[in-house]
Amino acid sequence: MARPLAGIRVLDMGTFITGPACGMLLADLGAEVIKVEMPETGDPFRAFKGDLYSPHFQTYNRNKKSITLNTKANPEDLAALDELVRGADVFIENFRPGVAERLGVDAERLQAINPRLVYATITGFGSDGPWKDRPAFDTVSQACTGFLRLLVNPANPRVVGPAIGDAVTGFYTAYGVLAALYEREKTGRGRKVETSMFEAMSHFNLDDFTHYLSVEEVMGPWSRPHVSQSYVFQCADGGWIALHMSSPPKFWENLATAVGQPDMLQRPEFESRPARIANYEKVVDFLAPIFATQPRAHWEETLTRLEVPHSAVYTSKEVVEGDLAAHHQLVVEGEGPRGTFRTIRSPIRFDGEVQDSVTPPPELGADNAEILGRK
């Protein structure tokens, strides 16, 4: 299995999602990632029903090692961290501004110890500016960057979906770290790689901002589905099916055949792409009762045969147990102290190889002996 970052040592002092997600991505590429945690409690994301191995924690901490150090209260622990920093390539933290300094792990101090160190720091709203001291969490980052507005139904405003802002920020940070590592090969010096949840989610929401900055259009939750002609319909058995019809006329011609309405495209609301966009709700009102007459499997078979862009709206169980996941070896597993750990592999292939194994997330302090020479 390809490990292009083999030989790179990462000290991951991140907690919750943003920092650990960055570390996980580097670990998936073969880096040795050492998670540095507080004794006894560890990453707060560990806590779960009186235990320290929650599903939340497992999600972003595979392929890592764990050591415990209290660099603020214990000078010996700070000295141990300094020794690790001397041989490290990357350091990751996602503390609020000022916390790294109090813990003795700020960029200025650590890069004085090791000028080759790539120091990655993640904040909610930046290390300076009017919001720098505000607490930031996933929903806050989605809301303040305009992204949440695109997900929420105005008629029934509720937060929906997974922790996109947290994960996206971790991904952008890893992207910056890789660039800094590449540059270091030429300069011999590390960089301070910095991003915030605000900046990361603003960039992720690029389409929304581009429409505003280009033509002063403020997008809403229905803007993209209307333009892309995307739909979700409920079938007779309660299952859902999604269509992305886009622009080619053949998609609509084939859909008319699939739903048994050969004259459908002569209707005013269907006659052209602009008409379908302008009359989106009428299109839905026409098609929804038709899809409700047959079970999801019928529509999957029919739409596949006629090459209409679609997919059933699957649950995680259906994805994992489906043929597509099996073919692409999507699920990997490894044996750990708590039995078999299963997760979704890295999506990156190198020369056709897929990641075919995984190291389960570490127990708190599992690698103290190996790395620190202590229990």
Protein backbone atom coordinates (compact mmCIF):
# COMPACT_ATOMS: atom_id res chain seq x y z
CA MET A 1 0.00 0.00 0.00
CA ALA A 2 1.42 3.40 -1.00
CA ARG A 3 2.51 5.63 1.89
CA PRO A 4 3.83 8.81 0.25
CA LEU A 5 4.25 10.62 3.61
CA ALA A 6 6.20 7.79 5.23
CA GLY A 7 9.02 9.31 7.30
CA ILE A 8 7.05 12.44 8.17
CA ARG A 9 6.40 12.79 11.92
CA VAL A 10 3.38 14.84 13.02
CA LEU A 11 2.58 15.99 16.55
CA ASP A 12 -1.20 16.40 16.71
CA MET A 13 -2.34 18.44 19.69
CA GLY A 14 -5.75 19.06 18.15
CA THR A 15 -9.05 18.38 19.88
CA PHE A 16 -12.62 17.77 18.74
CA ILE A 17 -12.62 17.76 14.89
CA THR A 18 -10.67 20.44 13.01
CA GLY A 19 -7.16 19.62 14.22
CA PRO A 20 -7.69 15.84 14.42
CA ALA A 21 -9.19 15.81 10.90
CA CYS A 22 -6.02 17.42 9.58
CA GLY A 23 -3.91 14.84 11.41
CA MET A 24 -6.05 11.98 10.12
CA LEU A 25 -5.59 13.05 6.51
CA LEU A 26 -1.81 13.13 6.93
CA ALA A 27 -1.89 9.76 8.72
CA ASP A 28 -3.90 8.25 5.90
CA LEU A 29 -1.09 9.27 3.55
CA GLY A 30 1.47 7.44 5.65
CA ALA A 31 2.73 10.05 8.13
CA GLU A 32 3.46 8.96 11.70
CA VAL A 33 0.91 11.00 13.63
CA ILE A 34 1.36 11.20 17.40
CA LYS A 35 -1.69 12.53 19.19
CA VAL A 36 -0.63 14.55 22.24
CA GLU A 37 -3.39 14.47 24.86
CA MET A 38 -4.05 15.53 28.42
CA PRO A 39 -3.51 12.77 31.01
CA GLU A 40 -6.65 11.03 32.33
CA THR A 41 -9.17 12.83 30.11
CA GLY A 42 -7.50 13.13 26.70
CA ASP A 43 -9.23 14.78 23.78
CA PRO A 44 -12.67 15.91 25.05
CA PHE A 45 -14.18 14.13 22.05
CA ARG A 46 -13.23 10.82 23.68
CA ALA A 47 -15.87 11.08 26.41
CA PHE A 48 -18.87 8.81 25.80
CA LYS A 49 -21.11 7.10 28.34
CA GLY A 50 -18.40 7.00 31.00
CA ASP A 51 -15.77 5.76 28.53
CA LEU A 52 -12.97 7.41 26.51
CA TYR A 53 -13.51 5.88 23.06
CA SER A 54 -16.54 7.55 21.52
CA PRO A 55 -17.61 7.09 17.88
CA HIS A 56 -16.98 10.86 17.47
CA PHE A 57 -13.38 10.36 18.57
CA GLN A 58 -12.88 7.27 16.42
CA THR A 59 -13.99 9.10 13.29
CA TYR A 60 -10.97 11.41 13.04
CA ASN A 61 -8.23 9.57 14.93
CA ARG A 62 -7.47 6.40 13.02
CA ASN A 63 -3.88 5.55 12.03
CA LYS A 64 -2.52 7.57 14.98
CA LYS A 65 -0.56 6.98 18.18
CA SER A 66 -1.41 8.54 21.55
CA ILE A 67 0.76 9.96 24.30
CA THR A 68 -0.24 11.97 27.37
CA LEU A 69 1.51 15.18 28.40
CA ASN A 70 0.49 18.16 30.54
CA THR A 71 2.81 20.83 29.20
CA LYS A 72 1.21 23.62 31.25
CA ALA A 73 1.50 22.09 34.72
CA ASN A 74 4.48 19.76 34.38
CA PRO A 75 7.93 21.06 33.30
CA GLU A 76 9.08 17.49 32.62
CA ASP A 77 6.22 17.03 30.18
CA LEU A 78 7.09 20.28 28.40
CA ALA A 79 10.70 19.13 28.13
CA ALA A 80 9.52 15.80 26.70
CA LEU A 81 7.44 17.62 24.11
CA ASP A 82 10.41 19.83 23.21
CA GLU A 83 12.46 16.72 22.56
CA LEU A 84 9.76 15.41 20.23
CA VAL A 85 9.56 18.77 18.46
CA ARG A 86 13.27 18.59 17.61
CA GLY A 87 12.62 15.57 15.41
CA ALA A 88 9.13 16.45 14.19
CA ASP A 89 8.06 17.73 10.80
CA VAL A 90 4.57 19.06 11.61
CA PHE A 91 2.76 20.35 14.69
CA ILE A 92 -1.04 20.79 14.70
CA GLU A 93 -3.17 22.72 17.18
CA ASN A 94 -6.66 24.24 17.13
CA PHE A 95 -6.74 26.17 20.39
CA ARG A 96 -8.42 29.52 20.86
CA PRO A 97 -6.01 32.48 20.51
CA GLY A 98 -3.63 32.70 23.46
CA VAL A 99 -4.02 29.10 24.67
CA ALA A 100 -0.99 27.75 22.80
CA GLU A 101 1.19 30.38 24.48
CA ARG A 102 -0.13 29.39 27.93
CA LEU A 103 0.68 25.76 27.18
CA GLY A 104 4.15 26.60 25.90
CA VAL A 105 3.42 25.26 22.41
CA ASP A 106 3.10 28.44 20.34
CA ALA A 107 4.70 28.66 16.90
CA GLU A 108 7.42 31.13 17.86
CA ARG A 109 8.73 28.93 20.67
CA LEU A 110 8.50 25.59 18.83
CA GLN A 111 10.01 26.86 15.58
CA ALA A 112 12.91 28.33 17.59
CA ILE A 113 13.56 24.75 18.73
CA ASN A 114 13.12 23.35 15.21
CA PRO A 115 13.20 25.85 12.32
CA ARG A 116 12.14 23.09 9.90
CA LEU A 117 8.87 22.58 11.74
CA VAL A 118 5.64 23.20 9.82
CA TYR A 119 3.31 24.63 12.45
CA ALA A 120 -0.41 24.38 11.67
CA THR A 121 -2.79 26.49 13.70
CA ILE A 122 -6.59 26.58 13.40
CA THR A 123 -8.90 29.13 15.01
CA GLY A 124 -12.55 29.97 14.77
CA PHE A 125 -12.27 33.51 13.45
CA GLY A 126 -8.55 34.19 13.12
CA SER A 127 -5.77 35.04 15.56
CA ASP A 128 -6.71 38.72 15.37
CA GLY A 129 -9.72 40.76 14.38
CA PRO A 130 -13.08 41.64 15.96
CA TRP A 131 -14.24 38.05 16.53
CA LYS A 132 -10.96 36.43 17.58
CA ASP A 133 -12.11 35.67 21.14
CA ARG A 134 -15.52 34.28 20.23
CA PRO A 135 -16.10 30.53 20.75
CA ALA A 136 -16.55 28.79 17.42
CA PHE A 137 -18.25 25.52 16.63
CA ASP A 138 -19.45 23.89 13.44
CA THR A 139 -22.92 25.45 13.25
CA VAL A 140 -21.49 28.88 14.05
CA SER A 141 -18.99 28.58 11.20
CA GLN A 142 -21.68 27.53 8.75
CA ALA A 143 -23.95 30.38 9.81
CA CYS A 144 -21.41 33.21 9.76
CA THR A 145 -20.20 32.32 6.25
CA GLY A 146 -23.63 32.19 4.62
CA PHE A 147 -23.48 28.43 4.10
CA LEU A 148 -26.13 27.40 6.63
CA ARG A 149 -28.67 29.63 4.91
CA LEU A 150 -28.32 27.42 1.83
CA LEU A 151 -29.30 24.29 3.78
CA VAL A 152 -32.16 25.47 5.95
CA ASN A 153 -35.78 25.29 4.82
CA PRO A 154 -37.13 28.82 5.43
CA ALA A 155 -40.57 27.41 6.26
CA ASN A 156 -39.15 25.20 9.02
CA PRO A 157 -35.75 26.53 10.09
CA ARG A 158 -33.72 23.73 11.68
CA VAL A 159 -30.01 22.95 11.66
CA VAL A 160 -29.47 19.94 9.39
CA GLY A 161 -26.65 17.69 8.30
CA PRO A 162 -23.21 16.72 9.61
CA ALA A 163 -20.33 18.83 10.95
CA ILE A 164 -19.30 20.18 7.56
CA GLY A 165 -17.49 23.29 8.82
CA ASP A 166 -15.30 21.33 11.21
CA ALA A 167 -14.29 18.71 8.67
CA VAL A 168 -13.74 21.17 5.82
CA THR A 169 -11.42 23.29 7.98
CA GLY A 170 -9.34 20.21 8.78
CA PHE A 171 -9.12 19.38 5.08
CA TYR A 172 -7.95 22.88 4.14
CA THR A 173 -5.34 22.79 6.90
CA ALA A 174 -3.90 19.51 5.61
CA TYR A 175 -3.78 21.06 2.14
CA GLY A 176 -1.72 23.94 3.54
CA VAL A 177 0.57 21.60 5.46
CA LEU A 178 1.36 19.60 2.32
CA ALA A 179 2.26 22.79 0.44
CA ALA A 180 4.55 23.91 3.28
CA LEU A 181 6.26 20.51 3.39
CA TYR A 182 6.89 20.72 -0.35
CA GLU A 183 8.33 24.24 -0.05
CA ARG A 184 10.54 23.13 2.85
CA GLU A 185 12.32 20.73 0.49
CA LYS A 186 13.61 23.80 -1.36
CA THR A 187 14.10 26.28 1.48
CA GLY A 188 14.97 24.06 4.43
CA ARG A 189 12.60 26.04 6.67
CA GLY A 190 9.12 25.40 7.94
CA ARG A 191 6.12 27.70 7.81
CA LYS A 192 3.33 28.72 10.11
CA VAL A 193 0.23 27.46 8.30
CA GLU A 194 -2.87 29.23 9.59
CA THR A 195 -6.54 29.10 8.78
CA SER A 196 -9.81 29.69 10.55
CA MET A 197 -13.21 28.08 10.33
CA PHE A 198 -14.53 31.39 9.00
CA GLU A 199 -12.01 31.54 6.17
CA ALA A 200 -12.25 27.85 5.30
CA MET A 201 -16.03 27.77 5.13
CA SER A 202 -16.12 31.03 3.19
CA HIS A 203 -13.90 29.45 0.54
CA PHE A 204 -15.95 26.25 0.60
CA ASN A 205 -19.02 28.42 -0.03
CA LEU A 206 -17.33 29.92 -3.09
CA ASP A 207 -20.26 29.49 -5.49
CA ASP A 208 -22.54 31.54 -3.26
CA PHE A 209 -20.04 34.39 -2.97
CA THR A 210 -19.15 34.31 -6.67
CA HIS A 211 -22.78 34.85 -7.63
CA TYR A 212 -22.97 37.83 -5.29
CA LEU A 213 -19.64 39.36 -6.30
CA SER A 214 -20.25 38.83 -10.03
CA VAL A 215 -23.92 39.73 -10.47
CA GLU A 216 -25.05 40.76 -6.95
CA GLU A 217 -27.26 37.68 -6.67
CA VAL A 218 -27.81 36.47 -3.11
CA MET A 219 -28.43 32.74 -3.35
CA GLY A 220 -30.91 30.86 -1.20
CA PRO A 221 -31.59 27.19 -0.40
CA TRP A 222 -33.43 26.63 -3.69
CA SER A 223 -31.02 28.50 -5.99
CA ARG A 224 -28.71 25.67 -6.95
CA PRO A 225 -31.39 22.94 -7.17
CA HIS A 226 -33.44 25.13 -9.51
CA VAL A 227 -30.51 25.89 -11.82
CA SER A 228 -29.06 22.37 -11.77
CA GLN A 229 -32.58 20.91 -12.03
CA SER A 230 -32.11 18.60 -9.07
CA TYR A 231 -35.00 16.80 -7.44
CA VAL A 232 -35.85 14.30 -4.71
CA PHE A 233 -39.03 12.24 -4.96
CA GLN A 234 -40.65 9.82 -2.55
CA CYS A 235 -41.53 6.43 -3.98
CA ALA A 236 -44.43 4.08 -3.23
CA ASP A 237 -42.48 2.17 -0.57
CA GLY A 238 -41.36 5.35 1.24
CA GLY A 239 -37.86 5.31 -0.27
CA TRP A 240 -36.46 8.43 -1.88
CA ILE A 241 -34.78 8.86 -5.24
CA ALA A 242 -32.67 11.83 -6.36
CA LEU A 243 -32.33 13.16 -9.92
CA HIS A 244 -29.82 15.66 -11.28
CA MET A 245 -31.12 16.54 -14.72
CA SER A 246 -28.75 19.38 -15.67
CA SER A 247 -28.91 20.70 -19.24
CA PRO A 248 -28.76 17.98 -21.96
CA PRO A 249 -32.21 17.53 -23.56
CA LYS A 250 -31.69 13.76 -23.78
CA PHE A 251 -31.94 13.47 -19.99
CA TRP A 252 -35.42 14.98 -20.05
CA GLU A 253 -36.46 13.01 -23.11
CA ASN A 254 -35.43 9.79 -21.41
CA LEU A 255 -37.15 10.82 -18.18
CA ALA A 256 -40.39 11.37 -20.10
CA THR A 257 -40.12 7.80 -21.36
CA ALA A 258 -39.28 6.49 -17.90
CA VAL A 259 -42.34 8.03 -16.27
CA GLY A 260 -44.65 7.05 -19.14
CA GLN A 261 -45.37 10.63 -20.20
CA PRO A 262 -44.08 10.93 -23.80
CA ASP A 263 -45.80 14.30 -24.27
CA MET A 264 -44.49 15.76 -21.02
CA LEU A 265 -41.99 18.07 -22.69
CA GLN A 266 -44.76 19.81 -24.60
CA ARG A 267 -46.18 21.15 -21.35
CA PRO A 268 -45.29 24.85 -20.80
CA GLU A 269 -43.37 24.18 -17.58
CA PHE A 270 -41.19 21.52 -19.30
CA GLU A 271 -40.62 22.99 -22.76
CA SER A 272 -37.14 24.44 -22.12
CA ARG A 273 -34.47 24.68 -19.48
CA PRO A 274 -35.41 28.29 -18.58
CA ALA A 275 -39.05 27.19 -18.33
CA ARG A 276 -38.18 24.32 -16.00
CA ILE A 277 -36.10 26.64 -13.82
CA ALA A 278 -38.83 29.26 -13.66
CA ASN A 279 -41.51 26.65 -12.96
CA TYR A 280 -39.56 24.37 -10.66
CA GLU A 281 -42.45 23.80 -8.25
CA LYS A 282 -44.85 22.96 -11.10
CA VAL A 283 -42.35 20.39 -12.39
CA VAL A 284 -42.22 18.86 -8.93
CA ASP A 285 -46.01 18.87 -8.63
CA PHE A 286 -46.29 17.00 -11.92
CA LEU A 287 -43.60 14.37 -11.27
CA ALA A 288 -44.06 13.70 -7.56
CA PRO A 289 -47.39 11.80 -7.88
CA ILE A 290 -45.91 9.66 -10.67
CA PHE A 291 -42.89 8.60 -8.61
CA ALA A 292 -45.24 7.82 -5.72
CA THR A 293 -46.90 5.07 -7.79
CA GLN A 294 -43.93 2.67 -7.86
CA PRO A 295 -41.36 1.42 -5.33
CA ARG A 296 -37.84 2.76 -5.35
CA ALA A 297 -36.36 -0.38 -6.93
CA HIS A 298 -38.61 0.05 -9.96
CA TRP A 299 -37.38 3.58 -10.54
CA GLU A 300 -33.74 2.58 -10.00
CA GLU A 301 -34.02 -0.09 -12.68
CA THR A 302 -35.97 2.07 -15.13
CA LEU A 303 -33.82 5.20 -14.78
CA THR A 304 -30.61 3.18 -15.01
CA ARG A 305 -31.76 1.49 -18.20
CA LEU A 306 -32.66 4.83 -19.75
CA GLU A 307 -29.47 6.57 -18.55
CA VAL A 308 -31.21 9.22 -16.49
CA PRO A 309 -28.78 10.69 -13.89
CA HIS A 310 -30.09 9.49 -10.54
CA SER A 311 -29.43 7.61 -7.34
CA ALA A 312 -31.52 6.23 -4.57
CA VAL A 313 -31.10 8.32 -1.43
CA TYR A 314 -29.29 5.71 0.64
CA THR A 315 -28.70 5.38 4.35
CA SER A 316 -25.17 4.71 5.63
CA LYS A 317 -26.20 1.05 6.11
CA GLU A 318 -27.34 0.75 2.51
CA VAL A 319 -24.13 2.33 1.21
CA VAL A 320 -21.84 0.07 3.23
CA GLU A 321 -23.78 -3.07 2.30
CA GLY A 322 -24.19 -2.13 -1.36
CA ASP A 323 -22.44 -3.43 -4.46
CA LEU A 324 -20.66 -0.16 -5.21
CA ALA A 325 -18.95 -0.01 -1.82
CA ALA A 326 -17.97 -3.67 -2.12
CA HIS A 327 -16.47 -3.17 -5.57
CA HIS A 328 -14.44 -0.14 -4.50
CA GLN A 329 -13.38 -1.73 -1.19
CA LEU A 330 -14.77 1.31 0.58
CA VAL A 331 -14.74 -0.22 4.06
CA VAL A 332 -11.41 -1.11 5.67
CA GLU A 333 -10.87 -2.73 9.02
CA GLY A 334 -8.16 -3.44 11.56
CA GLU A 335 -7.85 -5.29 14.83
CA GLY A 336 -7.35 -3.25 17.98
CA PRO A 337 -7.67 -3.57 21.75
CA ARG A 338 -11.46 -3.29 21.44
CA GLY A 339 -11.87 -5.76 18.62
CA THR A 340 -12.44 -5.05 14.95
CA PHE A 341 -12.51 -1.40 13.94
CA ARG A 342 -14.25 -0.60 10.64
CA THR A 343 -14.16 2.71 8.78
CA ILE A 344 -14.24 4.29 5.34
CA ARG A 345 -10.86 4.25 3.61
CA SER A 346 -9.04 7.23 2.16
CA PRO A 347 -10.50 8.09 -1.27
CA ILE A 348 -7.06 8.64 -2.80
CA ARG A 349 -5.49 5.96 -5.00
CA PHE A 350 -1.80 5.89 -5.89
CA ASP A 351 -0.99 3.95 -9.06
CA GLY A 352 -4.34 2.22 -8.75
CA GLU A 353 -3.79 1.04 -5.17
CA VAL A 354 -6.41 1.63 -2.51
CA GLN A 355 -5.84 1.86 1.22
CA ASP A 356 -6.55 -1.71 2.25
CA SER A 357 -5.86 -1.56 5.99
CA VAL A 358 -6.24 0.77 8.95
CA THR A 359 -4.82 1.13 12.45
CA PRO A 360 -7.67 1.58 14.96
CA PRO A 361 -7.78 4.84 16.92
CA PRO A 362 -5.47 4.66 19.94
CA GLU A 363 -6.45 4.22 23.54
CA LEU A 364 -5.43 7.22 25.67
CA GLY A 365 -1.68 7.10 26.28
CA ALA A 366 -1.30 3.79 24.45
CA ASP A 367 2.12 4.79 23.09
CA ASN A 368 3.65 6.41 26.18
CA ALA A 369 6.10 3.57 26.61
CA GLU A 370 7.25 3.47 22.99
CA ILE A 371 7.57 7.22 22.48
CA LEU A 372 8.19 8.68 25.96
CA GLY A 373 9.73 5.68 27.71
CA ARG A 374 7.10 5.85 30.45
CA LYS A 375 3.80 4.19 31.33
